[in-house]
Amino acid sequence: ERMWMKGAIVERAMGNQEQQKELLRQGLSKYPLCWKMWLMSGQLEEEKGNMAGAREAYTLGLRKCPECVPLWAAAAATEEAAGNVTKARALLEQARLKNPKNPMLWLLAVRT
C-alpha cells in the first residue's frame, strides 16, 4: 500500500500526471480501502480540471471508506468550488449521518 502511495507522490512531484494516475489506479485495485489513494486520485483529477473525474473518485472512495472525514471534506469542497453549495451541504449531511460523533464534520457543515 505504501509503495503505491509513495510512487504516486514521486510522480506528482515530477509532474508526471499520467504515471501518477496509473500508479493510483493499480494501487486502488489492490488496496481499495486506502482512503489516501482515493483522496490523491480526486485531487489529481481536480488538478487536471476534470471535476467529473474528481467527483467520481471521491464517490467511489466514500463508498469504500464512509468513515473517512478528509474524503467527505474534499468531496464537499469540490462541490462548493464548482458553485454547488447545496450539493456540498447535502454531502456533509450524509457524512454527519454516517459519522454522528465527529465534531469536524459538524464544523465543516456550519462553515459551508
Foldseek 3Di string as FASTA:
>chain_A
DVVLVVQLVVCVVVVNLVSSLVSLVVVCVVVVQPLVSLCVQLVSCVVVVNLVRNLVSLVSNCVNPVQDPVSLLVNLVSCVVVVNNVVSLVSLVSSCVVVVPDVVSVVSNVVD
